[in-house]
PDB file of N, CA and C in Angstrom:
ATOM      1  N   MET A   1      -4.298   4.994 -18.009  1.00  0.00           N
ATOM      2  CA  MET A   1      -5.513   4.300 -17.647  1.00  0.00           C
ATOM      3  C   MET A   1      -6.662   5.296 -17.647  1.00  0.00           C
ATOM      4  N   SER A   2      -7.805   4.856 -18.078  1.00  0.00           N
ATOM      5  CA  SER A   2      -8.950   5.752 -18.184  1.00  0.00           C
ATOM      6  C   SER A   2      -9.476   6.135 -16.806  1.00  0.00           C
ATOM      7  N   THR A   3     -10.220   7.227 -16.773  1.00  0.00           N
ATOM      8  CA  THR A   3     -10.819   7.643 -15.511  1.00  0.00           C
ATOM      9  C   THR A   3     -12.107   6.893 -15.246  1.00  0.00           C
ATOM     10  N   HIS A   4     -12.688   6.265 -16.265  1.00  0.00           N
ATOM     11  CA  HIS A   4     -13.926   5.521 -16.106  1.00  0.00           C
ATOM     12  C   HIS A   4     -13.605   4.062 -15.817  1.00  0.00           C
ATOM     13  N   LYS A   5     -13.514   3.742 -14.526  1.00  0.00           N
ATOM     14  CA  LYS A   5     -13.252   2.367 -14.098  1.00  0.00           C
ATOM     15  C   LYS A   5     -14.511   1.842 -13.415  1.00  0.00           C
ATOM     16  N   ASN A   6     -14.683   0.532 -13.417  1.00  0.00           N
ATOM     17  CA  ASN A   6     -15.792   0.011 -12.641  1.00  0.00           C
ATOM     18  C   ASN A   6     -15.440   0.092 -11.154  1.00  0.00           C
ATOM     19  N   LEU A   7     -16.461   0.069 -10.303  1.00  0.00           N
ATOM     20  CA  LEU A   7     -16.286   0.339  -8.877  1.00  0.00           C
ATOM     21  C   LEU A   7     -15.373  -0.670  -8.203  1.00  0.00           C
ATOM     22  N   GLY A   8     -15.483  -1.946  -8.567  1.00  0.00           N
ATOM     23  CA  GLY A   8     -14.658  -2.969  -7.929  1.00  0.00           C
ATOM     24  C   GLY A   8     -13.174  -2.738  -8.164  1.00  0.00           C
ATOM     25  N   LYS A   9     -12.838  -2.399  -9.401  1.00  0.00           N
ATOM     26  CA  LYS A   9     -11.431  -2.158  -9.733  1.00  0.00           C
ATOM     27  C   LYS A   9     -10.912  -0.913  -9.016  1.00  0.00           C
ATOM     28  N   LYS A  10     -11.767   0.115  -8.945  1.00  0.00           N
ATOM     29  CA  LYS A  10     -11.382   1.356  -8.277  1.00  0.00           C
ATOM     30  C   LYS A  10     -11.119   1.111  -6.789  1.00  0.00           C
ATOM     31  N   LEU A  11     -11.962   0.304  -6.156  1.00  0.00           N
ATOM     32  CA  LEU A  11     -11.774  -0.011  -4.742  1.00  0.00           C
ATOM     33  C   LEU A  11     -10.503  -0.816  -4.515  1.00  0.00           C
ATOM     34  N   ARG A  12     -10.231  -1.766  -5.408  1.00  0.00           N
ATOM     35  CA  ARG A  12      -9.007  -2.579  -5.264  1.00  0.00           C
ATOM     36  C   ARG A  12      -7.751  -1.732  -5.458  1.00  0.00           C
ATOM     37  N   LEU A  13      -7.785  -0.798  -6.410  1.00  0.00           N
ATOM     38  CA  LEU A  13      -6.629   0.076  -6.617  1.00  0.00           C
ATOM     39  C   LEU A  13      -6.422   1.004  -5.426  1.00  0.00           C
ATOM     40  N   GLY A  14      -7.522   1.480  -4.849  1.00  0.00           N
ATOM     41  CA  GLY A  14      -7.426   2.332  -3.660  1.00  0.00           C
ATOM     42  C   GLY A  14      -6.839   1.586  -2.483  1.00  0.00           C
ATOM     43  N   LYS A  15      -7.245   0.332  -2.307  1.00  0.00           N
ATOM     44  CA  LYS A  15      -6.702  -0.493  -1.222  1.00  0.00           C
ATOM     45  C   LYS A  15      -5.218  -0.750  -1.436  1.00  0.00           C
ATOM     46  N   ALA A  16      -4.819  -0.976  -2.687  1.00  0.00           N
ATOM     47  CA  ALA A  16      -3.402  -1.210  -2.992  1.00  0.00           C
ATOM     48  C   ALA A  16      -2.573   0.033  -2.694  1.00  0.00           C
ATOM     49  N   MET A  17      -3.131   1.215  -2.968  1.00  0.00           N
ATOM     50  CA  MET A  17      -2.416   2.459  -2.654  1.00  0.00           C
ATOM     51  C   MET A  17      -2.259   2.632  -1.154  1.00  0.00           C
ATOM     52  N   LYS A  18      -3.316   2.289  -0.416  1.00  0.00           N
ATOM     53  CA  LYS A  18      -3.276   2.433   1.037  1.00  0.00           C
ATOM     54  C   LYS A  18      -2.286   1.461   1.665  1.00  0.00           C
ATOM     55  N   ASN A  19      -2.234   0.220   1.145  1.00  0.00           N
ATOM     56  CA  ASN A  19      -1.319  -0.787   1.685  1.00  0.00           C
ATOM     57  C   ASN A  19       0.135  -0.473   1.377  1.00  0.00           C
ATOM     58  N   ASN A  20       0.378   0.412   0.428  1.00  0.00           N
ATOM     59  CA  ASN A  20       1.742   0.696  -0.022  1.00  0.00           C
ATOM     60  C   ASN A  20       2.412   1.794   0.800  1.00  0.00           C
ATOM     61  N   GLU A  21       1.769   2.292   1.820  1.00  0.00           N
ATOM     62  CA  GLU A  21       2.339   3.373   2.624  1.00  0.00           C
ATOM     63  C   GLU A  21       3.343   2.820   3.622  1.00  0.00           C
ATOM     64  N   SER A  22       4.212   3.713   4.115  1.00  0.00           N
ATOM     65  CA  SER A  22       5.187   3.301   5.110  1.00  0.00           C
ATOM     66  C   SER A  22       4.523   3.208   6.479  1.00  0.00           C
ATOM     67  N   VAL A  23       5.222   2.611   7.419  1.00  0.00           N
ATOM     68  CA  VAL A  23       4.703   2.449   8.770  1.00  0.00           C
ATOM     69  C   VAL A  23       4.739   3.811   9.466  1.00  0.00           C
ATOM     70  N   PRO A  24       3.645   4.209  10.129  1.00  0.00           N
ATOM     71  CA  PRO A  24       3.648   5.501  10.821  1.00  0.00           C
ATOM     72  C   PRO A  24       4.682   5.547  11.945  1.00  0.00           C
ATOM     73  N   VAL A  25       5.158   6.760  12.235  1.00  0.00           N
ATOM     74  CA  VAL A  25       6.203   6.935  13.246  1.00  0.00           C
ATOM     75  C   VAL A  25       5.693   6.505  14.619  1.00  0.00           C
ATOM     76  N   TRP A  26       4.425   6.788  14.908  1.00  0.00           N
ATOM     77  CA  TRP A  26       3.904   6.437  16.232  1.00  0.00           C
ATOM     78  C   TRP A  26       3.874   4.931  16.448  1.00  0.00           C
ATOM     79  N   VAL A  27       3.714   4.151  15.365  1.00  0.00           N
ATOM     80  CA  VAL A  27       3.730   2.691  15.487  1.00  0.00           C
ATOM     81  C   VAL A  27       5.151   2.217  15.789  1.00  0.00           C
ATOM     82  N   ILE A  28       6.126   2.823  15.119  1.00  0.00           N
ATOM     83  CA  ILE A  28       7.531   2.458  15.358  1.00  0.00           C
ATOM     84  C   ILE A  28       7.905   2.753  16.809  1.00  0.00           C
ATOM     85  N   LEU A  29       7.477   3.916  17.321  1.00  0.00           N
ATOM     86  CA  LEU A  29       7.788   4.277  18.699  1.00  0.00           C
ATOM     87  C   LEU A  29       7.056   3.389  19.702  1.00  0.00           C
ATOM     88  N   ARG A  30       5.793   3.086  19.410  1.00  0.00           N
ATOM     89  CA  ARG A  30       4.983   2.299  20.336  1.00  0.00           C
ATOM     90  C   ARG A  30       5.481   0.863  20.441  1.00  0.00           C
ATOM     91  N   THR A  31       6.031   0.323  19.346  1.00  0.00           N
ATOM     92  CA  THR A  31       6.517  -1.059  19.354  1.00  0.00           C
ATOM     93  C   THR A  31       8.011  -1.130  19.639  1.00  0.00           C
ATOM     94  N   ASN A  32       8.608  -0.007  20.035  1.00  0.00           N
ATOM     95  CA  ASN A  32      10.043   0.074  20.347  1.00  0.00           C
ATOM     96  C   ASN A  32      10.913  -0.387  19.181  1.00  0.00           C
ATOM     97  N   GLY A  33      10.513  -0.045  17.968  1.00  0.00           N
ATOM     98  CA  GLY A  33      11.311  -0.340  16.785  1.00  0.00           C
ATOM     99  C   GLY A  33      11.165  -1.744  16.255  1.00  0.00           C
ATOM    100  N   LYS A  34      10.195  -2.508  16.769  1.00  0.00           N
ATOM    101  CA  LYS A  34      10.009  -3.868  16.271  1.00  0.00           C
ATOM    102  C   LYS A  34       9.482  -3.842  14.840  1.00  0.00           C
ATOM    103  N   TYR A  35       8.561  -2.912  14.558  1.00  0.00           N
ATOM    104  CA  TYR A  35       8.020  -2.758  13.212  1.00  0.00           C
ATOM    105  C   TYR A  35       8.542  -1.456  12.625  1.00  0.00           C
ATOM    106  N   LYS A  36       9.663  -1.549  11.901  1.00  0.00           N
ATOM    107  CA  LYS A  36      10.295  -0.344  11.366  1.00  0.00           C
ATOM    108  C   LYS A  36       9.867  -0.041   9.943  1.00  0.00           C
ATOM    109  N   TYR A  37       9.568  -1.077   9.167  1.00  0.00           N
ATOM    110  CA  TYR A  37       9.222  -0.836   7.770  1.00  0.00           C
ATOM    111  C   TYR A  37       8.162  -1.831   7.328  1.00  0.00           C
ATOM    112  N   ASN A  38       7.515  -1.510   6.240  1.00  0.00           N
ATOM    113  CA  ASN A  38       6.425  -2.313   5.707  1.00  0.00           C
ATOM    114  C   ASN A  38       6.991  -3.422   4.821  1.00  0.00           C
ATOM    115  N   LEU A  39       6.789  -4.666   5.239  1.00  0.00           N
ATOM    116  CA  LEU A  39       7.314  -5.795   4.473  1.00  0.00           C
ATOM    117  C   LEU A  39       6.582  -5.991   3.154  1.00  0.00           C
ATOM    118  N   MET A  40       5.327  -5.527   3.079  1.00  0.00           N
ATOM    119  CA  MET A  40       4.507  -5.719   1.885  1.00  0.00           C
ATOM    120  C   MET A  40       4.629  -4.550   0.908  1.00  0.00           C
ATOM    121  N   ARG A  41       5.614  -3.677   1.091  1.00  0.00           N
ATOM    122  CA  ARG A  41       5.776  -2.499   0.256  1.00  0.00           C
ATOM    123  C   ARG A  41       6.019  -2.912  -1.191  1.00  0.00           C
ATOM    124  N   ARG A  42       5.408  -2.188  -2.119  1.00  0.00           N
ATOM    125  CA  ARG A  42       5.446  -2.566  -3.536  1.00  0.00           C
ATOM    126  C   ARG A  42       5.929  -1.374  -4.356  1.00  0.00           C
ATOM    127  N   ASP A  43       6.779  -1.634  -5.330  1.00  0.00           N
ATOM    128  CA  ASP A  43       7.235  -0.591  -6.236  1.00  0.00           C
ATOM    129  C   ASP A  43       6.506  -0.723  -7.566  1.00  0.00           C
ATOM    130  N   TRP A  44       6.043   0.365  -8.109  1.00  0.00           N
ATOM    131  CA  TRP A  44       5.197   0.321  -9.317  1.00  0.00           C
ATOM    132  C   TRP A  44       5.950  -0.193 -10.532  1.00  0.00           C
ATOM    133  N   ARG A  45       7.277  -0.076 -10.557  1.00  0.00           N
ATOM    134  CA  ARG A  45       8.039  -0.577 -11.700  1.00  0.00           C
ATOM    135  C   ARG A  45       8.324  -2.073 -11.582  1.00  0.00           C
ATOM    136  N   ARG A  46       8.588  -2.537 -10.370  1.00  0.00           N
ATOM    137  CA  ARG A  46       9.044  -3.920 -10.184  1.00  0.00           C
ATOM    138  C   ARG A  46       7.918  -4.942 -10.110  1.00  0.00           C
ATOM    139  N   ASN A  47       6.798  -4.593  -9.455  1.00  0.00           N
ATOM    140  CA  ASN A  47       5.753  -5.574  -9.208  1.00  0.00           C
ATOM    141  C   ASN A  47       4.452  -5.168  -9.878  1.00  0.00           C
ATOM    142  N   ASP A  48       3.752  -6.156 -10.415  1.00  0.00           N
ATOM    143  CA  ASP A  48       2.450  -5.912 -11.016  1.00  0.00           C
ATOM    144  C   ASP A  48       1.350  -6.206 -10.007  1.00  0.00           C
ATOM    145  N   LEU A  49       0.284  -5.433 -10.086  1.00  0.00           N
ATOM    146  CA  LEU A  49      -0.895  -5.707  -9.289  1.00  0.00           C
ATOM    147  C   LEU A  49      -1.763  -6.700 -10.031  1.00  0.00           C
ATOM    148  N   LYS A  50      -2.322  -7.626  -9.301  1.00  0.00           N
ATOM    149  CA  LYS A  50      -3.254  -8.568  -9.917  1.00  0.00           C
ATOM    150  C   LYS A  50      -4.673  -8.026  -9.722  1.00  0.00           C
ATOM    151  N   VAL A  51      -4.935  -6.890 -10.355  1.00  0.00           N
ATOM    152  CA  VAL A  51      -6.252  -6.247 -10.251  1.00  0.00           C
ATOM    153  C   VAL A  51      -6.997  -6.594 -11.449  1.00  0.00           C
TER     154      VAL A  51
END
């Protein structure tokens, strides 16, 4: 993909990268293990982004 993207697409890709992170350890500890993993986690091979 080129480095010259329009701003809207760049922002959407950045948000998708941020949403793809795992749940922080402090959240797992604070919720007593209720939220252990991210249900919305996406793999780059399996799922396409609708950007």
